[in-house]
Every structure is written in C-alpha cells, then in structure tokens.
Protein backbone atom coordinates (compact mmCIF):
# COMPACT_ATOMS: atom_id res chain seq x y z
CA MET A 1 0.07 0.03 0.05
CA ASP A 2 1.13 3.62 -0.68
CA PRO A 3 -1.03 5.65 1.49
CA ILE A 4 -2.10 8.97 1.33
CA LYS A 5 0.11 11.56 3.03
CA ASN A 6 -1.25 14.61 2.15
CA VAL A 7 -4.60 16.42 1.00
CA GLN A 8 -5.40 19.92 -0.13
CA VAL A 9 -8.34 21.70 -0.99
CA GLU A 10 -8.64 25.01 -2.42
CA LEU A 11 -11.48 27.30 -3.78
CA TYR A 12 -11.43 29.62 -7.08
CA ARG A 13 -13.87 31.84 -8.29
CA VAL A 14 -13.50 31.49 -12.29
CA PRO A 15 -15.34 34.64 -14.03
CA LEU A 16 -17.45 34.42 -16.96
CA ALA A 17 -16.77 36.63 -20.03
CA LYS A 18 -20.11 38.22 -19.18
CA PRO A 19 -22.84 37.46 -17.00
CA LEU A 20 -25.59 35.06 -18.35
CA SER A 21 -29.34 34.80 -17.84
CA ASP A 22 -31.59 31.82 -18.12
CA ALA A 23 -35.38 31.58 -17.59
CA LYS A 24 -34.59 31.58 -13.81
CA VAL A 25 -33.36 34.92 -13.95
CA LEU A 26 -36.42 36.13 -16.05
CA THR A 27 -38.79 34.71 -13.54
CA GLY A 28 -36.95 36.29 -10.66
CA ARG A 29 -35.81 33.30 -9.13
CA GLN A 30 -32.10 33.90 -9.50
CA LYS A 31 -29.43 36.79 -10.42
CA PRO A 32 -27.43 36.61 -13.70
CA LEU A 33 -24.55 34.16 -13.58
CA ALA A 34 -21.19 35.87 -13.11
CA ALA A 35 -18.79 33.31 -12.06
CA VAL A 36 -18.21 29.72 -11.31
CA ASP A 37 -16.83 28.55 -7.79
CA LEU A 38 -14.33 25.78 -8.31
CA LEU A 39 -13.74 23.59 -5.37
CA THR A 40 -10.36 21.53 -6.19
CA ALA A 41 -8.89 18.65 -4.41
CA THR A 42 -4.89 17.43 -4.47
CA ILE A 43 -4.19 14.21 -3.19
CA GLU A 44 -0.74 13.01 -2.82
CA THR A 45 0.76 9.45 -1.26
CA VAL A 46 3.92 8.55 0.37
CA ASN A 47 5.59 7.74 -2.48
CA GLY A 48 4.74 10.60 -4.67
CA SER A 49 1.59 9.78 -6.58
CA ARG A 50 -0.79 12.48 -7.31
CA GLY A 51 -4.52 12.78 -8.06
CA PHE A 52 -6.49 15.74 -8.89
CA GLY A 53 -10.25 16.45 -8.93
CA PHE A 54 -12.77 19.34 -8.58
CA SER A 55 -16.40 19.92 -7.85
CA TYR A 56 -18.21 23.14 -8.51
CA SER A 57 -21.10 25.58 -7.39
CA LEU A 58 -22.99 28.15 -9.32
CA ARG A 59 -23.88 31.64 -7.56
CA ALA A 60 -23.92 30.64 -3.87
CA GLY A 61 -22.69 27.67 -2.04
CA GLY A 62 -18.75 27.64 -2.75
CA SER A 63 -17.60 28.64 0.65
CA ALA A 64 -19.86 25.89 2.07
CA LEU A 65 -18.30 23.31 -0.30
CA LEU A 66 -14.96 24.45 0.71
CA ALA A 67 -15.77 24.41 4.76
CA HIS A 68 -17.08 20.76 4.30
CA ALA A 69 -14.09 19.88 2.30
CA ARG A 70 -11.81 20.93 5.07
CA ASP A 71 -13.61 19.06 7.56
CA LEU A 72 -13.33 15.82 5.70
CA ALA A 73 -9.89 16.08 4.26
CA GLU A 74 -7.63 14.61 7.20
CA ALA A 75 -10.08 11.68 7.29
CA LEU A 76 -8.18 10.55 4.17
CA ILE A 77 -4.39 10.81 5.59
CA GLY A 78 -3.08 7.34 5.92
CA GLU A 79 -5.74 5.73 3.78
CA ASP A 80 -5.23 3.38 0.68
CA PRO A 81 -6.01 5.37 -2.35
CA ASN A 82 -7.18 2.47 -4.25
CA ASP A 83 -10.30 1.98 -2.11
CA ILE A 84 -12.25 4.36 -3.67
CA GLY A 85 -15.59 2.85 -2.84
CA ARG A 86 -15.02 2.49 0.95
CA LEU A 87 -13.19 5.97 0.88
CA TRP A 88 -16.55 7.47 -0.66
CA GLU A 89 -18.88 5.75 2.29
CA LYS A 90 -16.53 6.93 5.15
CA LEU A 91 -16.58 10.56 4.02
CA ALA A 92 -20.22 10.46 3.43
CA TRP A 93 -20.73 8.85 7.09
CA LEU A 94 -18.64 11.60 8.36
CA GLY A 95 -20.92 14.33 6.94
CA ALA A 96 -24.17 12.06 7.49
CA SER A 97 -25.74 14.49 10.18
CA VAL A 98 -25.82 17.39 7.47
CA SER A 99 -26.94 15.39 4.67
CA ARG A 100 -25.89 12.64 2.17
CA THR A 101 -27.12 14.97 -0.73
CA GLY A 102 -26.19 18.80 -1.61
CA VAL A 103 -23.36 20.33 -0.13
CA SER A 104 -22.07 17.25 1.61
CA VAL A 105 -21.76 14.77 -1.32
CA GLN A 106 -20.72 17.77 -3.59
CA SER A 107 -17.71 18.42 -1.42
CA ILE A 108 -16.71 14.66 -1.44
CA ALA A 109 -16.84 14.81 -5.23
CA ALA A 110 -13.70 16.66 -5.55
CA PHE A 111 -11.83 14.11 -3.35
CA ASP A 112 -13.56 10.93 -5.47
CA VAL A 113 -12.51 12.55 -8.82
CA ALA A 114 -9.16 12.87 -7.61
CA LEU A 115 -9.00 9.22 -6.73
CA TRP A 116 -10.04 8.36 -9.92
CA ASP A 117 -7.50 10.29 -11.35
CA MET A 118 -4.71 8.74 -9.27
CA LYS A 119 -5.58 5.32 -10.10
CA ALA A 120 -5.99 5.90 -13.88
CA LYS A 121 -2.59 7.81 -13.74
CA SER A 122 -0.90 4.70 -12.11
CA ALA A 123 -2.40 2.59 -15.18
CA ASN A 124 -1.18 5.23 -17.55
CA VAL A 125 -4.61 5.53 -19.09
CA SER A 126 -7.37 8.10 -19.10
CA ILE A 127 -10.39 7.83 -16.77
CA GLY A 128 -12.69 6.71 -19.77
CA LYS A 129 -10.19 4.18 -20.62
CA LEU A 130 -10.02 2.92 -17.12
CA LEU A 131 -13.36 2.37 -16.89
CA GLY A 132 -13.83 0.58 -20.15
CA ALA A 133 -14.44 2.84 -22.84
CA TYR A 134 -16.99 1.84 -25.72
CA ARG A 135 -15.78 4.38 -27.97
CA ASN A 136 -13.09 7.48 -28.12
CA SER A 137 -15.46 10.34 -28.83
CA VAL A 138 -18.94 11.33 -28.49
CA PRO A 139 -21.23 13.82 -30.02
CA CYS A 140 -21.08 17.25 -28.46
CA TYR A 141 -23.56 20.25 -28.21
CA ASN A 142 -23.08 24.01 -27.28
CA THR A 143 -25.08 25.54 -24.49
CA SER A 144 -23.25 28.67 -23.59
CA GLY A 145 -24.43 30.64 -26.82
CA GLY A 146 -27.90 30.30 -26.25
CA TYR A 147 -28.75 31.85 -23.19
CA LEU A 148 -31.74 34.24 -23.17
CA SER A 149 -29.43 37.00 -21.87
CA ALA A 150 -28.40 37.10 -25.72
CA PRO A 151 -30.52 38.75 -28.14
CA LEU A 152 -31.48 36.62 -31.32
CA SER A 153 -28.80 38.16 -33.89
CA GLU A 154 -26.11 37.12 -31.13
CA VAL A 155 -27.47 33.43 -30.40
CA LEU A 156 -27.24 33.28 -34.50
CA SER A 157 -23.62 34.36 -34.19
CA ASN A 158 -22.93 32.13 -31.38
CA VAL A 159 -24.35 29.15 -33.40
CA GLU A 160 -22.41 29.96 -36.11
CA ARG A 161 -19.19 29.97 -34.43
CA SER A 162 -19.98 26.73 -32.71
CA LEU A 163 -20.74 24.90 -35.89
CA GLU A 164 -17.67 26.23 -37.50
CA ARG A 165 -15.39 24.81 -34.57
CA GLY A 166 -16.92 21.48 -35.24
CA LEU A 167 -19.75 21.24 -32.57
CA GLY A 168 -22.35 18.91 -33.40
CA GLY A 169 -25.38 20.43 -31.77
CA ILE A 170 -27.11 23.55 -30.23
CA LYS A 171 -28.94 24.16 -27.25
CA LEU A 172 -31.28 26.94 -26.62
CA LYS A 173 -32.65 28.44 -23.38
CA VAL A 174 -36.38 28.77 -23.31
CA GLY A 175 -39.01 29.19 -20.65
CA GLN A 176 -39.62 32.88 -20.88
CA PRO A 177 -42.82 34.34 -19.24
CA ASP A 178 -44.17 34.60 -22.97
CA LEU A 179 -44.03 30.97 -24.43
CA LYS A 180 -44.67 32.61 -27.86
CA LYS A 181 -41.20 34.42 -27.69
CA ASP A 182 -39.61 30.97 -26.99
CA ILE A 183 -41.31 29.46 -30.29
CA GLU A 184 -40.28 32.09 -32.37
CA ARG A 185 -36.74 31.86 -31.10
CA VAL A 186 -36.32 28.35 -31.59
CA ALA A 187 -38.16 28.78 -35.21
CA ALA A 188 -35.65 31.15 -36.13
CA VAL A 189 -32.68 29.19 -35.25
CA ARG A 190 -33.77 25.95 -36.75
CA LYS A 191 -34.55 27.99 -40.20
CA HIS A 192 -31.19 29.26 -39.58
CA VAL A 193 -29.37 26.00 -39.43
CA GLY A 194 -31.66 23.78 -41.47
CA ASP A 195 -33.09 20.39 -40.13
CA GLY A 196 -29.77 18.66 -40.13
CA VAL A 197 -28.30 20.19 -37.27
CA PRO A 198 -29.39 18.52 -33.86
CA MET A 199 -31.17 20.98 -31.45
CA MET A 200 -32.01 20.91 -27.82
CA VAL A 201 -34.05 23.10 -25.75
CA ASP A 202 -33.90 23.71 -22.10
CA ALA A 203 -36.63 25.32 -19.94
CA ASN A 204 -34.72 25.23 -16.69
CA GLN A 205 -37.97 23.95 -14.73
CA GLN A 206 -39.95 27.14 -15.42
CA TRP A 207 -43.14 25.43 -16.77
CA ASP A 208 -46.18 24.05 -14.66
CA PHE A 209 -47.41 20.79 -16.31
CA THR A 210 -49.87 22.25 -18.56
CA THR A 211 -47.44 25.05 -19.82
CA ALA A 212 -44.84 22.32 -20.13
CA LEU A 213 -47.27 19.67 -22.22
CA ARG A 214 -48.57 22.60 -24.47
CA ALA A 215 -45.20 24.15 -25.20
CA GLY A 216 -43.86 20.59 -25.80
CA ARG A 217 -46.72 20.18 -28.76
CA MET A 218 -45.76 23.58 -29.96
CA LEU A 219 -42.01 22.59 -30.03
CA GLU A 220 -42.68 19.22 -32.02
CA PRO A 221 -42.54 20.64 -35.39
CA TYR A 222 -38.99 21.57 -34.88
CA GLN A 223 -37.45 17.97 -34.49
CA LEU A 224 -35.58 18.63 -31.37
CA VAL A 225 -32.98 15.84 -29.94
CA TRP A 226 -34.85 16.36 -26.33
CA LEU A 227 -36.80 18.82 -24.33
CA GLU A 228 -34.93 19.56 -20.96
CA GLU A 229 -36.10 20.30 -17.71
CA PRO A 230 -39.71 21.16 -18.85
CA THR A 231 -41.09 21.20 -15.28
CA HIS A 232 -39.94 20.71 -11.88
CA ALA A 233 -36.70 18.67 -11.04
CA TYR A 234 -38.39 16.47 -8.38
CA ASP A 235 -41.56 15.88 -10.45
CA TYR A 236 -40.90 12.50 -11.45
CA ARG A 237 -44.54 11.51 -12.63
CA GLY A 238 -44.93 14.98 -14.42
CA HIS A 239 -41.90 14.11 -16.67
CA ALA A 240 -42.83 10.68 -16.99
CA GLU A 241 -46.45 11.91 -18.32
CA LEU A 242 -44.86 14.39 -20.88
CA SER A 243 -42.45 11.41 -22.07
CA ALA A 244 -45.69 9.35 -22.68
CA ARG A 245 -47.65 12.15 -24.25
CA LEU A 246 -45.10 13.90 -26.48
CA ASP A 247 -43.26 12.61 -29.65
CA THR A 248 -39.96 14.83 -28.11
CA PRO A 249 -37.68 13.03 -25.93
CA ILE A 250 -37.47 14.40 -22.27
CA ALA A 251 -34.18 15.28 -20.58
CA THR A 252 -33.80 16.03 -16.93
CA GLY A 253 -31.58 15.20 -13.86
CA GLU A 254 -28.71 17.86 -13.62
CA MET A 255 -30.38 19.35 -10.27
CA LEU A 256 -30.31 15.88 -8.37
CA SER A 257 -28.02 15.24 -5.84
CA SER A 258 -28.16 11.62 -5.13
CA VAL A 259 -28.21 8.25 -6.75
CA ALA A 260 -31.51 7.52 -5.38
CA GLU A 261 -33.00 10.54 -6.57
CA CYS A 262 -31.77 9.77 -10.36
CA CYS A 263 -33.42 6.36 -9.70
CA GLU A 264 -36.59 7.75 -9.14
CA LEU A 265 -36.48 9.28 -12.56
CA ILE A 266 -35.50 5.74 -14.26
CA ASN A 267 -38.12 4.20 -12.07
CA HIS A 268 -40.77 6.18 -13.12
CA ARG A 269 -39.82 6.39 -16.75
CA SER A 270 -39.46 9.95 -16.67
CA VAL A 271 -36.71 10.44 -19.20
CA THR A 272 -35.21 9.28 -22.49
CA PHE A 273 -32.10 11.13 -21.95
CA LEU A 274 -30.87 11.09 -18.28
CA GLN A 275 -28.64 14.14 -17.14
CA PRO A 276 -26.66 13.23 -13.86
CA ASP A 277 -23.83 15.57 -13.08
CA VAL A 278 -20.74 14.14 -11.74
CA PRO A 279 -19.94 17.03 -9.14
CA ARG A 280 -23.33 17.08 -7.96
CA VAL A 281 -24.35 13.64 -7.37
CA GLY A 282 -20.86 13.04 -5.18
CA GLY A 283 -18.28 12.22 -7.83
CA ILE A 284 -17.73 9.30 -10.23
CA THR A 285 -18.40 6.48 -7.78
CA PRO A 286 -22.03 7.30 -7.15
CA PHE A 287 -22.29 8.21 -11.08
CA LEU A 288 -21.15 4.92 -12.15
CA LYS A 289 -24.24 3.53 -9.95
CA ILE A 290 -26.48 5.76 -11.85
CA ALA A 291 -25.11 4.83 -15.16
CA ASN A 292 -25.32 1.32 -14.35
CA SER A 293 -29.45 1.29 -13.71
CA ALA A 294 -29.69 3.61 -16.57
CA ASP A 295 -28.01 1.01 -18.77
CA LEU A 296 -30.36 -1.78 -17.59
CA ASN A 297 -33.31 0.46 -18.64
CA ARG A 298 -31.37 1.31 -22.08
CA LEU A 299 -31.62 4.96 -21.46
CA LYS A 300 -29.45 7.73 -23.31
CA LEU A 301 -27.28 9.73 -21.37
CA ALA A 302 -26.59 13.35 -21.68
CA PRO A 303 -24.14 14.59 -18.21
CA HIS A 304 -24.84 17.99 -17.09
CA PHE A 305 -21.78 20.68 -17.51
CA VAL A 306 -18.08 20.16 -16.66
CA MET A 307 -17.28 18.52 -19.96
CA GLU A 308 -13.63 17.87 -18.75
CA ILE A 309 -15.01 14.99 -16.24
CA HIS A 310 -17.97 13.96 -18.32
CA ILE A 311 -16.04 13.18 -21.72
CA HIS A 312 -14.85 9.95 -19.71
CA MET A 313 -18.43 9.15 -18.69
CA GLY A 314 -19.88 9.48 -22.16
CA CYS A 315 -17.31 7.32 -23.72
CA ALA A 316 -17.65 4.79 -20.77
CA TYR A 317 -21.39 4.34 -21.28
CA PRO A 318 -22.46 1.42 -23.56
CA HIS A 319 -25.62 3.68 -25.33
CA GLU A 320 -25.92 6.77 -26.93
CA ALA A 321 -24.37 9.63 -25.04
CA TRP A 322 -23.89 13.30 -25.35
CA VAL A 323 -21.49 15.63 -23.53
CA GLU A 324 -22.38 19.18 -22.84
CA HIS A 325 -19.96 21.86 -24.28
CA ILE A 326 -19.59 24.70 -21.85
CA GLU A 327 -16.13 26.49 -22.08
CA TRP A 328 -16.60 28.38 -18.69
CA LEU A 329 -13.70 26.58 -16.79
CA GLU A 330 -11.44 26.31 -19.57
CA PRO A 331 -9.35 29.30 -18.12
CA ALA A 332 -8.92 27.61 -15.07
CA PHE A 333 -6.94 24.57 -17.03
CA ASN A 334 -3.83 24.14 -18.86
CA GLU A 335 -5.24 21.63 -21.09
CA ARG A 336 -8.28 21.81 -24.00
CA LEU A 337 -10.68 19.12 -25.14
CA GLU A 338 -10.60 18.49 -28.89
CA ILE A 339 -13.57 18.70 -31.13
CA LYS A 340 -13.94 17.30 -34.49
CA ASP A 341 -16.54 16.76 -36.92
CA GLY A 342 -19.36 16.95 -34.30
CA GLN A 343 -17.75 15.09 -31.76
CA MET A 344 -15.50 15.61 -28.57
CA MET A 345 -12.70 13.43 -28.21
CA LEU A 346 -11.73 11.38 -25.20
CA PRO A 347 -8.27 12.74 -24.03
CA GLU A 348 -5.12 10.47 -24.53
CA ARG A 349 -3.64 11.73 -21.37
CA PRO A 350 -3.77 9.80 -18.40
CA GLY A 351 -6.20 10.42 -15.54
CA LEU A 352 -8.49 13.08 -15.84
CA GLY A 353 -6.08 14.72 -18.25
CA PHE A 354 -6.52 18.45 -16.76
CA SER A 355 -4.30 20.49 -14.49
CA LEU A 356 -4.82 23.89 -12.81
CA SER A 357 -3.57 26.77 -14.83
CA GLU A 358 -1.33 29.66 -13.45
CA GLN A 359 -4.12 32.04 -14.10
CA ALA A 360 -6.27 30.27 -12.00
CA LYS A 361 -4.08 31.20 -8.75
CA ARG A 362 -5.31 34.74 -9.46
CA TRP A 363 -9.00 33.61 -8.73
CA ARG A 364 -8.19 31.71 -5.37
CA VAL A 365 -10.79 32.77 -2.70
CA ASP A 366 -9.44 32.39 1.00
CA ALA A 367 -12.93 31.57 2.58
C-alpha cells in the first residue's frame, strides 16, 4: 500500500466573460450568473503519486463546499487511495448528520474524482479507458451560446461559431414568461441552421405541467433531440407523463444530488435522456451506479456541464451519450478538449487529463 500523506483543498472563483441569464433569471428566481466557484482537491501519497479532482457551485455555495471539504480532508490521511468506494462511504458517513446529498456529497466529489484520477494515472490511461471505454469520442453540443440574455442576432452568431468549430449540436434556453417568444426563437434558429443540425431546448424547470405539455406540442415541428427540464426537477410523475404524451424525448436530472433521486427518474420512466452531474451526485463513484441503472433500462445519457469530467463518462457508457460543451472552466485549466466533426474526443492524457493553470491562481478565494 502507498498511503495518502497529504490532501489539499482550494476554492477558485472563475469569472465568466459576461453575465448570463436563463429563464430562472427572467422569472425572478435567480440573479445572472457571473462566475463559477471551483473547488479543487489534490491528493498525494507517500511515494509521490498525485490525483487532481474538482467540484463546483453556481452562484451561492462555494464557501460551504470548501468548509465541508476541509472538515473531511484529514480523514483521508493514511488511507489506501485504491479503496475508492470505501473512502466515499467513509466521507459520506462523516457528514451524514448534515446530509448525504447537496453540499455534503458535492464536497466529496472533488476527492472522489482525484482518487479516480490517481488510479488512472497509475495505469497510464485516461479515466474513460480505465472504466472500459466503448468509444473514443461522443457527440457534443453547445449551450453557452444560447442563453436568454443574448438577443437573437447574437445567438445566431454564436451558433455559427459553434458549428464552425466542429460542435455537433445546439441547445437553446427557453422558459420565458411569454411562450410565444420561445417558439419564435426556436423557429428562427431552426430556419437558420436547417433540419440537419441537432437542436435541444432547456426550460430550466420554469413551466408547470400544463404549460410544459402545451409548449412541448408547439415545439414538436422543430424535430428536437430533447426537451430539457420542462417542469420541476423532482416532478418524476410529471416528466413521465410528458414522456408518454410527447414525441420529443424528455431530458432531466442535472439538479439531483444522489443516486436515489436519479433512480426515481429511471423507475418512473420519466426520461429518454438522463442528465446526472458528476460533482452534484458526489463524484464518479455514485455516477457509475446511476449509469449502471440507466444502462439496464436502455436510457440515453447526457451529463450536465463539466465536460472535462463528463467526456470520460460519456465514452464509458454503452448506449448513446452526449456531452455538453460549456467553456466556462477552460481558463482554469492548462489543457483543452479536442472537438472534430461534431464529436468531442476522449483525451489520451492519463487520468482526468487536466491540471490547474497559473491564471487560476489569481482567482483563489480564501474563505
């Protein structure tokens, strides 16, 4: 055994180029998004093996993630880093009095990803290969260019740049108070790109069931790959009913923060595309449990955000998987993902394949 001798956690506030707004802002539930709080964990063993992982928070919560991670870090000292499943449970039980979802597991995620990074590096393969990759690339789509804070002219320009870069699909934010404006926006982009470009829309939970059903029917002529988060994230039955009554596939799951919650979507037959988020569910270890259940039910996979992690998950999933291209965290890392002919390529670099950039150090938060 090469035991863990040092664990370091840090928080960085990575600024966006400009604030972005989705339907949650237009309905007054949130403020525009201006930065991403990035929680990092670096784990080192006695013999010098190192693992790097991260989690994140949008808007509030970053300081809470850091505080909880600091509480947990010492519990890893002296442990065998190969025992990833056991260590996940150890950390989860330490924080069980506050929760086994939310902040608690999202802090654990940074450690969990770092341990998988170390294990893959020791085998000199990427995490995706370590997990038994089914493919070396997956289709990818851009989200960051389709926010509601951008006027239609800017969205069309963003779409052009995304397609020129080689991205395979486009996702648009919807869920405005005036549904007609959503439909007009989607229609304009579909006309601009033609029928051959995959398109998705995301309502960010802003519709009740009746509005979601009506909107879904109005959107069906535009041949969408999926309709995302049409109603409340925990409305398992509502999403199931929409899946049964609409031709457009339903996608959701990004807001859930446990294996049990994601499995409720599976058990209710709520989705065609399941959208778990590695940091939000607690890391790669719980994500694999979700993916296994999704596999048994022959669901498709479209993990939320953090493409730097999810490229590995998408390539290791046996059925159709998409990875979301959002470039917000790119300035924090030295490496970049390769995109070609609509596909995001699995990195050949060992482990996660990412390291913190010098630029990121300027954004460190001493909370």
